Amino acid sequence: MVKVSDIISALDGFAPFSLQESYDNCGLQVGDPSMTSAGVLLAVDMTEEVLDEAIACGLNTIVVHHPPIFRGLKSLTPDDASTRMLIKALKHDVAIIAAHTNVDKAYNGVSYKMGEKLGLADMRPLVGCNDDGAGLGVVGCLAESLPVGLFLDKVRDTFGCRCLRHTAPTCSNVRTVALCGGSGASLSADAIKAGADVYVSADFKYHDFFDARGVITLVDAGHFETERYVVEIFYDILTKKFTNFAVRHASAYTNPVIYLY
């Protein structure tokens, strides 16, 4: 029997929860760690649609990237979607586990997965490398230089972006690439210091683009889009650890951003 605590331990073995940022809230969000798990549903975000899917499939454990309990809760009432979802999870004995900045920082975590999808080699952490390769973001090289326009197309297609926001290109060809899944604007200076031709991340502000003009090509590929492959990381961890155990990707699309063309 696989218990919820076993799933937590497997995730911790790959990306220790001790790596999480001080502001974060990783780990078991809802449920009893001693409960036997009937299977796991994986998603980037915890939504009521994801919960309903887990219940319908008979899966009583959900692993997500973004913690559903992030800021302090002052009440647990059905007045909004987030707390209503938590109440439903408790009523249906569904455990919810979040693995967020610990997986962002772990070796072979979110940014490494981005690099793998783009075909980068010789990847290393962009910031804060320790002995086990953990850190924030990555920098690596393409096997061959790509014209910047083709590289932007590759980013769009790889991550399923509805659109890209980017600065005017500072190079005609791209070889060295810096990446950070999710909100990575604070690492722009580190990408420049690393000699990257392009820095791909998300949640850049207007003035971030101004500051990068003529220095580095910034590419905002979207928060959800740059982290969407974290579910593949979760899937690999759990299916390798537990054989003959149900692990599924949620079919619900959880990106809250809608693009109008």
Protein backbone atom coordinates (compact mmCIF):
# COMPACT_ATOMS: atom_id res chain seq x y z
CA MET A 1 0.00 0.00 0.00
CA VAL A 2 1.21 3.49 -0.86
CA LYS A 3 0.43 6.08 1.76
CA VAL A 4 0.24 9.83 1.29
CA SER A 5 3.37 10.10 3.43
CA ASP A 6 5.19 7.83 0.94
CA ILE A 7 4.30 10.19 -1.91
CA ILE A 8 5.57 13.14 0.11
CA SER A 9 8.82 11.26 0.81
CA ALA A 10 9.30 10.45 -2.88
CA LEU A 11 8.91 14.10 -3.85
CA ASP A 12 11.21 15.14 -1.02
CA GLY A 13 13.84 12.67 -2.22
CA PHE A 14 13.97 14.40 -5.61
CA ALA A 15 13.43 18.00 -4.48
CA PRO A 16 13.89 18.39 -0.71
CA PHE A 17 11.19 20.55 0.77
CA SER A 18 13.97 22.26 2.72
CA LEU A 19 14.96 23.95 -0.56
CA GLN A 20 11.75 25.96 -0.70
CA GLU A 21 11.91 29.74 -0.45
CA SER A 22 11.06 31.32 2.91
CA TYR A 23 7.82 32.79 1.55
CA ASP A 24 6.61 29.48 0.14
CA ASN A 25 4.29 26.82 1.55
CA CYS A 26 5.25 23.45 0.09
CA GLY A 27 4.22 20.04 1.36
CA LEU A 28 0.92 18.54 2.47
CA GLN A 29 -1.80 21.17 2.18
CA VAL A 30 -4.87 19.08 2.95
CA GLY A 31 -5.36 15.55 4.27
CA ASP A 32 -3.95 12.83 6.48
CA PRO A 33 -0.39 11.66 5.70
CA SER A 34 -1.20 8.19 7.04
CA MET A 35 -4.07 7.71 4.56
CA THR A 36 -3.66 5.05 1.89
CA SER A 37 -3.47 6.61 -1.56
CA ALA A 38 -5.70 5.16 -4.28
CA GLY A 39 -3.72 7.02 -6.94
CA VAL A 40 -2.45 10.47 -7.84
CA LEU A 41 -3.66 13.19 -10.18
CA LEU A 42 -1.05 15.74 -11.32
CA ALA A 43 -1.58 19.40 -12.21
CA VAL A 44 0.21 22.73 -12.27
CA ASP A 45 -2.55 24.45 -10.29
CA MET A 46 -5.18 23.31 -7.82
CA THR A 47 -8.65 24.17 -9.07
CA GLU A 48 -12.13 22.83 -8.42
CA GLU A 49 -12.08 21.26 -11.89
CA VAL A 50 -8.93 19.32 -10.99
CA LEU A 51 -10.51 18.20 -7.72
CA ASP A 52 -13.70 17.08 -9.47
CA GLU A 53 -11.62 15.10 -11.95
CA ALA A 54 -9.74 13.35 -9.14
CA ILE A 55 -12.98 12.46 -7.36
CA ALA A 56 -14.57 11.19 -10.58
CA CYS A 57 -11.51 9.01 -11.29
CA GLY A 58 -11.34 7.63 -7.75
CA LEU A 59 -7.96 9.22 -7.09
CA ASN A 60 -7.70 10.53 -3.54
CA THR A 61 -4.34 12.30 -3.85
CA ILE A 62 -3.44 15.36 -5.91
CA VAL A 63 0.06 16.73 -6.48
CA VAL A 64 0.30 20.29 -7.77
CA HIS A 65 3.05 22.82 -8.35
CA HIS A 66 1.40 25.96 -6.98
CA PRO A 67 0.26 25.69 -3.34
CA PRO A 68 -3.49 26.25 -2.91
CA ILE A 69 -2.77 27.53 0.60
CA PHE A 70 -0.19 30.21 -0.02
CA ARG A 71 -1.27 33.25 1.95
CA GLY A 72 -2.68 33.00 5.45
CA LEU A 73 -6.27 31.77 5.67
CA LYS A 74 -8.49 33.65 8.09
CA SER A 75 -11.53 31.46 7.52
CA LEU A 76 -12.58 28.31 5.73
CA THR A 77 -15.99 29.08 4.27
CA PRO A 78 -17.57 28.47 0.83
CA ASP A 79 -17.50 32.18 -0.01
CA ASP A 80 -14.84 31.93 -2.71
CA ALA A 81 -13.59 29.31 -5.14
CA SER A 82 -10.33 28.56 -3.29
CA THR A 83 -11.79 27.85 0.14
CA ARG A 84 -14.81 26.09 -1.37
CA MET A 85 -12.42 23.75 -3.13
CA LEU A 86 -10.51 23.05 0.09
CA ILE A 87 -13.75 22.23 1.93
CA LYS A 88 -14.75 19.81 -0.84
CA ALA A 89 -11.34 18.14 -0.68
CA LEU A 90 -11.77 17.59 3.06
CA LYS A 91 -15.30 16.22 2.61
CA HIS A 92 -14.10 13.72 0.00
CA ASP A 93 -10.89 12.75 1.85
CA VAL A 94 -8.66 13.99 -0.96
CA ALA A 95 -5.09 14.82 0.05
CA ILE A 96 -3.39 17.74 -1.71
CA ILE A 97 0.41 18.06 -1.87
CA ALA A 98 2.26 21.05 -3.31
CA ALA A 99 5.84 20.98 -4.58
CA HIS A 100 6.70 24.51 -5.67
CA THR A 101 9.98 26.38 -5.21
CA ASN A 102 11.72 23.22 -4.02
CA VAL A 103 11.15 21.80 -7.53
CA ASP A 104 12.07 25.15 -9.09
CA LYS A 105 15.45 24.97 -7.34
CA ALA A 106 16.20 21.24 -7.50
CA TYR A 107 18.73 19.75 -9.89
CA ASN A 108 16.76 18.57 -12.94
CA GLY A 109 13.80 20.66 -11.75
CA VAL A 110 11.52 23.04 -13.63
CA SER A 111 14.14 25.15 -15.43
CA TYR A 112 16.18 22.07 -16.38
CA LYS A 113 13.02 20.58 -17.87
CA MET A 114 12.54 23.77 -19.90
CA GLY A 115 16.10 23.44 -21.17
CA GLU A 116 15.59 19.79 -22.02
CA LYS A 117 12.52 20.67 -24.09
CA LEU A 118 14.48 23.34 -25.97
CA GLY A 119 17.42 21.01 -26.55
CA LEU A 120 19.98 22.79 -24.37
CA ALA A 121 23.23 21.06 -23.38
CA ASP A 122 25.77 21.73 -20.61
CA MET A 123 23.14 23.24 -18.34
CA ARG A 124 24.10 24.72 -15.00
CA PRO A 125 22.17 26.76 -12.43
CA LEU A 126 21.91 30.45 -13.17
CA VAL A 127 22.00 31.42 -9.48
CA GLY A 128 23.03 29.79 -6.23
CA CYS A 129 24.60 26.54 -7.36
CA ASN A 130 25.50 24.21 -4.50
CA ASP A 131 27.26 20.85 -4.48
CA ASP A 132 24.22 18.93 -5.73
CA GLY A 133 23.50 21.31 -8.62
CA ALA A 134 20.48 22.99 -7.01
CA GLY A 135 19.83 26.63 -7.76
CA LEU A 136 17.47 28.99 -9.53
CA GLY A 137 17.16 29.03 -13.31
CA VAL A 138 19.61 27.48 -15.75
CA VAL A 139 21.93 28.56 -18.53
CA GLY A 140 22.99 26.27 -21.35
CA CYS A 141 23.77 26.09 -25.06
CA LEU A 142 21.94 24.99 -28.16
CA ALA A 143 23.72 22.34 -30.22
CA GLU A 144 23.78 24.81 -33.10
CA SER A 145 23.06 28.51 -33.30
CA LEU A 146 19.56 29.44 -34.41
CA PRO A 147 18.46 32.68 -36.06
CA VAL A 148 16.67 34.63 -33.36
CA GLY A 149 13.35 34.51 -35.20
CA LEU A 150 13.49 30.73 -35.43
CA PHE A 151 14.43 30.50 -31.76
CA LEU A 152 11.39 32.57 -30.79
CA ASP A 153 9.23 30.26 -32.90
CA LYS A 154 10.78 27.29 -31.10
CA VAL A 155 9.96 28.77 -27.68
CA ARG A 156 6.38 29.51 -28.74
CA ASP A 157 5.81 26.03 -30.14
CA THR A 158 7.63 24.15 -27.37
CA PHE A 159 5.66 25.70 -24.53
CA GLY A 160 2.35 26.13 -26.32
CA CYS A 161 2.42 29.91 -25.97
CA ARG A 162 -0.55 31.83 -27.33
CA CYS A 163 1.79 34.81 -27.68
CA LEU A 164 5.28 35.96 -26.71
CA ARG A 165 6.33 39.30 -25.27
CA HIS A 166 9.95 40.15 -25.97
CA THR A 167 12.40 42.97 -26.42
CA ALA A 168 13.94 43.90 -29.75
CA PRO A 169 16.53 41.17 -30.43
CA THR A 170 20.08 42.05 -29.41
CA CYS A 171 21.61 39.32 -31.57
CA SER A 172 20.98 37.81 -34.98
CA ASN A 173 21.67 34.25 -33.81
CA VAL A 174 21.03 32.51 -30.50
CA ARG A 175 23.41 29.99 -28.94
CA THR A 176 23.59 30.61 -25.17
CA VAL A 177 20.21 30.60 -23.45
CA ALA A 178 19.19 31.41 -19.88
CA LEU A 179 15.87 30.11 -18.55
CA CYS A 180 13.75 30.34 -15.42
CA GLY A 181 10.31 28.80 -15.11
CA GLY A 182 7.65 31.12 -13.68
CA SER A 183 8.43 34.56 -12.29
CA GLY A 184 12.07 35.11 -13.12
CA ALA A 185 12.43 38.83 -13.70
CA SER A 186 14.73 39.16 -10.69
CA LEU A 187 17.32 36.96 -12.43
CA SER A 188 17.69 39.14 -15.53
CA ALA A 189 21.00 40.58 -14.33
CA ASP A 190 22.28 37.05 -13.69
CA ALA A 191 21.35 36.04 -17.24
CA ILE A 192 23.34 39.01 -18.56
CA LYS A 193 26.29 38.15 -16.32
CA ALA A 194 26.19 34.56 -17.61
CA GLY A 195 26.65 35.83 -21.17
CA ALA A 196 23.27 34.59 -22.40
CA ASP A 197 22.03 35.78 -25.77
CA VAL A 198 18.43 35.33 -24.66
CA TYR A 199 16.66 35.05 -21.31
CA VAL A 200 13.32 33.20 -21.31
CA SER A 201 11.08 33.45 -18.27
CA ALA A 202 7.77 35.07 -17.31
CA ASP A 203 6.06 37.94 -15.49
CA PHE A 204 8.42 40.67 -16.68
CA LYS A 205 7.21 44.20 -15.96
CA TYR A 206 7.23 47.09 -18.42
CA HIS A 207 10.43 48.58 -17.00
CA ASP A 208 12.19 45.20 -17.04
CA PHE A 209 11.95 45.34 -20.83
CA PHE A 210 13.26 48.91 -20.82
CA ASP A 211 16.27 47.97 -18.70
CA ALA A 212 17.16 45.08 -21.02
CA ARG A 213 17.11 47.08 -24.26
CA GLY A 214 20.30 46.64 -26.23
CA VAL A 215 21.78 44.33 -23.58
CA ILE A 216 19.91 41.02 -23.76
CA THR A 217 16.83 39.70 -25.49
CA LEU A 218 14.14 39.14 -22.86
CA VAL A 219 11.35 36.71 -23.71
CA ASP A 220 8.21 36.45 -21.59
CA ALA A 221 6.68 33.10 -22.49
CA GLY A 222 4.04 33.05 -19.76
CA HIS A 223 4.01 31.77 -16.19
CA PHE A 224 1.88 28.69 -16.76
CA GLU A 225 3.54 27.96 -20.08
CA THR A 226 7.09 27.92 -18.70
CA GLU A 227 6.06 25.65 -15.82
CA ARG A 228 3.62 23.36 -17.61
CA TYR A 229 6.10 20.47 -17.86
CA VAL A 230 6.50 20.20 -14.09
CA VAL A 231 3.81 17.51 -14.24
CA GLU A 232 6.22 15.38 -16.28
CA ILE A 233 8.74 15.70 -13.45
CA PHE A 234 6.12 14.58 -10.92
CA TYR A 235 5.07 11.70 -13.17
CA ASP A 236 8.64 10.43 -13.56
CA ILE A 237 9.30 10.61 -9.82
CA LEU A 238 6.17 8.72 -8.80
CA THR A 239 6.04 6.08 -11.55
CA LYS A 240 9.67 5.15 -10.97
CA LYS A 241 9.15 4.93 -7.22
CA PHE A 242 5.79 3.12 -7.21
CA THR A 243 5.00 0.40 -9.74
CA ASN A 244 1.42 -0.73 -10.45
CA PHE A 245 0.15 2.53 -9.00
CA ALA A 246 -2.22 4.96 -10.73
CA VAL A 247 -0.59 8.28 -11.65
CA ARG A 248 -2.43 10.50 -14.15
CA HIS A 249 -2.08 13.93 -15.69
CA ALA A 250 -5.12 16.13 -15.08
CA SER A 251 -7.04 16.93 -18.26
CA ALA A 252 -8.30 20.22 -16.82
CA TYR A 253 -6.48 23.26 -18.27
CA THR A 254 -5.60 25.42 -15.28
CA ASN A 255 -4.00 28.50 -16.86
CA PRO A 256 -6.06 31.47 -15.60
CA VAL A 257 -4.78 33.82 -18.35
CA ILE A 258 -6.94 34.17 -21.46
CA TYR A 259 -5.52 35.76 -24.61
CA LEU A 260 -7.62 37.81 -27.03
CA TYR A 261 -6.29 38.04 -30.57
